[in-house]
């Protein structure tokens, strides 16, 4: 069986399995559950881009990009809205794969910058996003730090 990660759309056939993706308990305060994200994606169907990362036949992560070039607030125009890597599959490169997939989609859509927001804290994702190349913008929104990456 090939365990190379691959990206797939969330469908009626895999939505229940998607909702079983759970981050580590100490990370739960930093990211909404997948079910909440899918509800948001449904409500924001024109701009949300929810995807599952598979390793073989198993979903190991969920990522949701957001693409709204007309958004009033600049950092909502293109970026990562959610990233949930199942606790059993962390540190295996699936988070990196998911982020790179959103950035590739952003480039495909003609974006030259992408953003991400995170809650600050000891078990939060800041170090991960900084290693991915996101830089602090100095902005905050609703208690979250904003990072940005150039896509040129």
C-alpha atoms as a PDB file:
ATOM      1  CA  UNK A   1       0.000   0.000   0.000  1.00  0.00           C
ATOM      2  CA  UNK A   2       1.277   3.448  -0.964  1.00  0.00           C
ATOM      3  CA  UNK A   3       1.345   5.859   2.001  1.00  0.00           C
ATOM      4  CA  UNK A   4       2.446   8.911   0.005  1.00  0.00           C
ATOM      5  CA  UNK A   5       0.084  11.714   1.019  1.00  0.00           C
ATOM      6  CA  UNK A   6      -2.608  12.781  -1.375  1.00  0.00           C
ATOM      7  CA  UNK A   7      -5.325  15.409  -1.258  1.00  0.00           C
ATOM      8  CA  UNK A   8      -9.009  14.706  -1.804  1.00  0.00           C
ATOM      9  CA  UNK A   9     -12.173  16.766  -1.624  1.00  0.00           C
ATOM     10  CA  UNK A  10     -14.565  16.152   1.237  1.00  0.00           C
ATOM     11  CA  UNK A  11     -17.513  14.175  -0.137  1.00  0.00           C
ATOM     12  CA  UNK A  12     -20.646  12.511   1.239  1.00  0.00           C
ATOM     13  CA  UNK A  13     -18.671   9.247   1.173  1.00  0.00           C
ATOM     14  CA  UNK A  14     -15.824  10.457   3.414  1.00  0.00           C
ATOM     15  CA  UNK A  15     -17.366  13.214   5.543  1.00  0.00           C
ATOM     16  CA  UNK A  16     -18.024  10.935   8.538  1.00  0.00           C
ATOM     17  CA  UNK A  17     -14.454   9.663   8.447  1.00  0.00           C
ATOM     18  CA  UNK A  18     -13.213  13.251   8.149  1.00  0.00           C
ATOM     19  CA  UNK A  19     -15.008  14.140  11.367  1.00  0.00           C
ATOM     20  CA  UNK A  20     -13.057  11.419  13.199  1.00  0.00           C
ATOM     21  CA  UNK A  21      -9.773  13.304  12.737  1.00  0.00           C
ATOM     22  CA  UNK A  22      -8.750  14.478  16.218  1.00  0.00           C
ATOM     23  CA  UNK A  23      -5.771  16.594  17.205  1.00  0.00           C
ATOM     24  CA  UNK A  24      -3.865  15.877  20.423  1.00  0.00           C
ATOM     25  CA  UNK A  25      -5.775  16.892  23.577  1.00  0.00           C
ATOM     26  CA  UNK A  26      -3.341  19.719  24.353  1.00  0.00           C
ATOM     27  CA  UNK A  27      -3.992  21.162  20.869  1.00  0.00           C
ATOM     28  CA  UNK A  28      -7.792  21.224  21.070  1.00  0.00           C
ATOM     29  CA  UNK A  29      -7.854  24.810  22.367  1.00  0.00           C
ATOM     30  CA  UNK A  30      -6.061  25.967  19.211  1.00  0.00           C
ATOM     31  CA  UNK A  31      -8.205  24.568  16.384  1.00  0.00           C
ATOM     32  CA  UNK A  32     -11.885  23.875  15.852  1.00  0.00           C
ATOM     33  CA  UNK A  33     -12.995  20.270  15.370  1.00  0.00           C
ATOM     34  CA  UNK A  34     -13.308  19.143  11.758  1.00  0.00           C
ATOM     35  CA  UNK A  35     -17.115  18.985  12.037  1.00  0.00           C
ATOM     36  CA  UNK A  36     -17.217  22.683  12.993  1.00  0.00           C
ATOM     37  CA  UNK A  37     -14.920  23.526  10.085  1.00  0.00           C
ATOM     38  CA  UNK A  38     -17.118  21.617   7.654  1.00  0.00           C
ATOM     39  CA  UNK A  39     -20.164  23.510   8.898  1.00  0.00           C
ATOM     40  CA  UNK A  40     -18.274  26.744   8.258  1.00  0.00           C
ATOM     41  CA  UNK A  41     -17.268  25.475   4.809  1.00  0.00           C
ATOM     42  CA  UNK A  42     -20.912  24.724   4.027  1.00  0.00           C
ATOM     43  CA  UNK A  43     -21.946  28.215   5.091  1.00  0.00           C
ATOM     44  CA  UNK A  44     -19.018  29.745   3.163  1.00  0.00           C
ATOM     45  CA  UNK A  45     -19.259  27.422   0.170  1.00  0.00           C
ATOM     46  CA  UNK A  46     -18.231  30.108  -2.321  1.00  0.00           C
ATOM     47  CA  UNK A  47     -14.886  30.785  -0.631  1.00  0.00           C
ATOM     48  CA  UNK A  48     -13.991  27.748   1.526  1.00  0.00           C
ATOM     49  CA  UNK A  49     -11.746  25.000   0.172  1.00  0.00           C
ATOM     50  CA  UNK A  50     -11.962  21.972   2.542  1.00  0.00           C
ATOM     51  CA  UNK A  51      -9.738  18.971   1.776  1.00  0.00           C
ATOM     52  CA  UNK A  52      -8.613  15.737   3.367  1.00  0.00           C
ATOM     53  CA  UNK A  53      -5.063  14.440   3.357  1.00  0.00           C
ATOM     54  CA  UNK A  54      -4.895  10.683   2.925  1.00  0.00           C
ATOM     55  CA  UNK A  55      -2.083   8.243   3.617  1.00  0.00           C
ATOM     56  CA  UNK A  56      -3.099   5.121   1.753  1.00  0.00           C
ATOM     57  CA  UNK A  57      -6.800   4.639   2.445  1.00  0.00           C
ATOM     58  CA  UNK A  58      -6.757   6.540   5.728  1.00  0.00           C
ATOM     59  CA  UNK A  59      -7.549  10.239   6.188  1.00  0.00           C
ATOM     60  CA  UNK A  60      -4.777  11.642   8.392  1.00  0.00           C
ATOM     61  CA  UNK A  61      -5.403  15.387   8.231  1.00  0.00           C
ATOM     62  CA  UNK A  62      -7.935  18.035   7.306  1.00  0.00           C
ATOM     63  CA  UNK A  63      -7.082  21.414   5.828  1.00  0.00           C
ATOM     64  CA  UNK A  64      -9.315  24.252   4.759  1.00  0.00           C
ATOM     65  CA  UNK A  65      -8.165  27.087   2.610  1.00  0.00           C
ATOM     66  CA  UNK A  66     -10.115  30.249   2.082  1.00  0.00           C
ATOM     67  CA  UNK A  67     -10.095  32.148  -1.202  1.00  0.00           C
ATOM     68  CA  UNK A  68     -12.024  35.404  -1.391  1.00  0.00           C
ATOM     69  CA  UNK A  69     -10.105  37.990  -3.442  1.00  0.00           C
ATOM     70  CA  UNK A  70     -12.875  40.527  -2.802  1.00  0.00           C
ATOM     71  CA  UNK A  71     -12.769  40.247   1.018  1.00  0.00           C
ATOM     72  CA  UNK A  72     -12.775  43.629   2.716  1.00  0.00           C
ATOM     73  CA  UNK A  73     -10.096  42.557   5.197  1.00  0.00           C
ATOM     74  CA  UNK A  74      -6.884  41.806   3.297  1.00  0.00           C
ATOM     75  CA  UNK A  75      -5.800  38.810   5.365  1.00  0.00           C
ATOM     76  CA  UNK A  76      -9.092  37.005   4.600  1.00  0.00           C
ATOM     77  CA  UNK A  77      -8.496  37.068   0.842  1.00  0.00           C
ATOM     78  CA  UNK A  78      -6.247  34.013   0.611  1.00  0.00           C
ATOM     79  CA  UNK A  79      -5.028  31.661   3.263  1.00  0.00           C
ATOM     80  CA  UNK A  80      -5.318  28.726   5.572  1.00  0.00           C
ATOM     81  CA  UNK A  81      -8.439  28.703   7.705  1.00  0.00           C
ATOM     82  CA  UNK A  82      -7.937  25.354   9.447  1.00  0.00           C
ATOM     83  CA  UNK A  83      -5.406  22.582   9.812  1.00  0.00           C
ATOM     84  CA  UNK A  84      -6.118  19.463  11.853  1.00  0.00           C
ATOM     85  CA  UNK A  85      -3.552  16.670  11.769  1.00  0.00           C
ATOM     86  CA  UNK A  86      -4.744  13.578  13.584  1.00  0.00           C
ATOM     87  CA  UNK A  87      -2.761  13.054  16.799  1.00  0.00           C
ATOM     88  CA  UNK A  88      -1.706   9.560  15.659  1.00  0.00           C
ATOM     89  CA  UNK A  89      -0.175  10.965  12.473  1.00  0.00           C
ATOM     90  CA  UNK A  90       1.614  14.108  13.585  1.00  0.00           C
ATOM     91  CA  UNK A  91       5.282  14.700  12.780  1.00  0.00           C
ATOM     92  CA  UNK A  92       5.028  12.597   9.627  1.00  0.00           C
ATOM     93  CA  UNK A  93       4.928  15.496   7.136  1.00  0.00           C
ATOM     94  CA  UNK A  94       1.159  15.546   6.595  1.00  0.00           C
ATOM     95  CA  UNK A  95       0.728  19.061   7.986  1.00  0.00           C
ATOM     96  CA  UNK A  96       3.473  20.357   5.717  1.00  0.00           C
ATOM     97  CA  UNK A  97       1.866  18.557   2.770  1.00  0.00           C
ATOM     98  CA  UNK A  98      -1.525  20.124   3.596  1.00  0.00           C
ATOM     99  CA  UNK A  99      -0.116  23.651   3.865  1.00  0.00           C
ATOM    100  CA  UNK A 100       1.821  23.250   0.627  1.00  0.00           C
ATOM    101  CA  UNK A 101      -1.390  22.065  -1.079  1.00  0.00           C
ATOM    102  CA  UNK A 102      -3.244  25.222  -0.016  1.00  0.00           C
ATOM    103  CA  UNK A 103      -0.328  27.383  -1.159  1.00  0.00           C
ATOM    104  CA  UNK A 104      -0.255  25.572  -4.523  1.00  0.00           C
ATOM    105  CA  UNK A 105      -3.990  26.208  -4.933  1.00  0.00           C
ATOM    106  CA  UNK A 106      -3.435  29.859  -4.025  1.00  0.00           C
ATOM    107  CA  UNK A 107      -0.765  30.156  -6.709  1.00  0.00           C
ATOM    108  CA  UNK A 108      -3.039  28.397  -9.220  1.00  0.00           C
ATOM    109  CA  UNK A 109      -5.670  31.042  -8.469  1.00  0.00           C
ATOM    110  CA  UNK A 110      -3.133  33.827  -9.056  1.00  0.00           C
ATOM    111  CA  UNK A 111      -2.497  34.869  -5.447  1.00  0.00           C
ATOM    112  CA  UNK A 112       0.907  36.230  -4.519  1.00  0.00           C
ATOM    113  CA  UNK A 113       0.414  36.145  -0.735  1.00  0.00           C
ATOM    114  CA  UNK A 114      -1.279  33.809   1.730  1.00  0.00           C
ATOM    115  CA  UNK A 115      -2.084  34.239   5.399  1.00  0.00           C
ATOM    116  CA  UNK A 116      -2.823  32.111   8.416  1.00  0.00           C
ATOM    117  CA  UNK A 117      -4.094  32.992  11.887  1.00  0.00           C
ATOM    118  CA  UNK A 118      -3.374  31.154  15.120  1.00  0.00           C
ATOM    119  CA  UNK A 119      -4.039  31.464  18.796  1.00  0.00           C
ATOM    120  CA  UNK A 120      -0.784  32.079  20.655  1.00  0.00           C
ATOM    121  CA  UNK A 121       0.211  29.559  23.298  1.00  0.00           C
ATOM    122  CA  UNK A 122       2.685  26.885  24.352  1.00  0.00           C
ATOM    123  CA  UNK A 123       0.970  24.065  22.431  1.00  0.00           C
ATOM    124  CA  UNK A 124      -0.136  26.226  19.521  1.00  0.00           C
ATOM    125  CA  UNK A 125       0.937  26.030  15.888  1.00  0.00           C
ATOM    126  CA  UNK A 126       3.118  29.153  15.677  1.00  0.00           C
ATOM    127  CA  UNK A 127       6.452  27.317  15.470  1.00  0.00           C
ATOM    128  CA  UNK A 128       5.093  25.045  12.753  1.00  0.00           C
ATOM    129  CA  UNK A 129       3.851  27.937  10.618  1.00  0.00           C
ATOM    130  CA  UNK A 130       7.072  29.894  11.146  1.00  0.00           C
ATOM    131  CA  UNK A 131       9.078  26.839   9.973  1.00  0.00           C
ATOM    132  CA  UNK A 132       6.825  26.749   6.883  1.00  0.00           C
ATOM    133  CA  UNK A 133       7.940  30.293   6.051  1.00  0.00           C
ATOM    134  CA  UNK A 134       5.070  32.377   7.417  1.00  0.00           C
ATOM    135  CA  UNK A 135       6.248  35.630   8.935  1.00  0.00           C
ATOM    136  CA  UNK A 136       4.505  37.642  11.608  1.00  0.00           C
ATOM    137  CA  UNK A 137       2.654  40.622  10.169  1.00  0.00           C
ATOM    138  CA  UNK A 138       2.359  42.449  13.489  1.00  0.00           C
ATOM    139  CA  UNK A 139      -1.422  42.272  13.149  1.00  0.00           C
ATOM    140  CA  UNK A 140      -3.868  40.480  15.398  1.00  0.00           C
ATOM    141  CA  UNK A 141      -7.515  39.638  14.868  1.00  0.00           C
ATOM    142  CA  UNK A 142      -9.919  38.339  17.507  1.00  0.00           C
ATOM    143  CA  UNK A 143      -7.017  37.380  19.767  1.00  0.00           C
ATOM    144  CA  UNK A 144      -5.181  35.533  17.013  1.00  0.00           C
ATOM    145  CA  UNK A 145      -1.765  36.255  15.534  1.00  0.00           C
ATOM    146  CA  UNK A 146      -1.555  36.731  11.774  1.00  0.00           C
ATOM    147  CA  UNK A 147       1.239  35.295   9.667  1.00  0.00           C
ATOM    148  CA  UNK A 148       1.812  35.779   5.951  1.00  0.00           C
ATOM    149  CA  UNK A 149       3.926  34.181   3.262  1.00  0.00           C
ATOM    150  CA  UNK A 150       4.872  35.512  -0.177  1.00  0.00           C
ATOM    151  CA  UNK A 151       3.999  33.158  -3.030  1.00  0.00           C
ATOM    152  CA  UNK A 152       6.095  34.654  -5.844  1.00  0.00           C
END
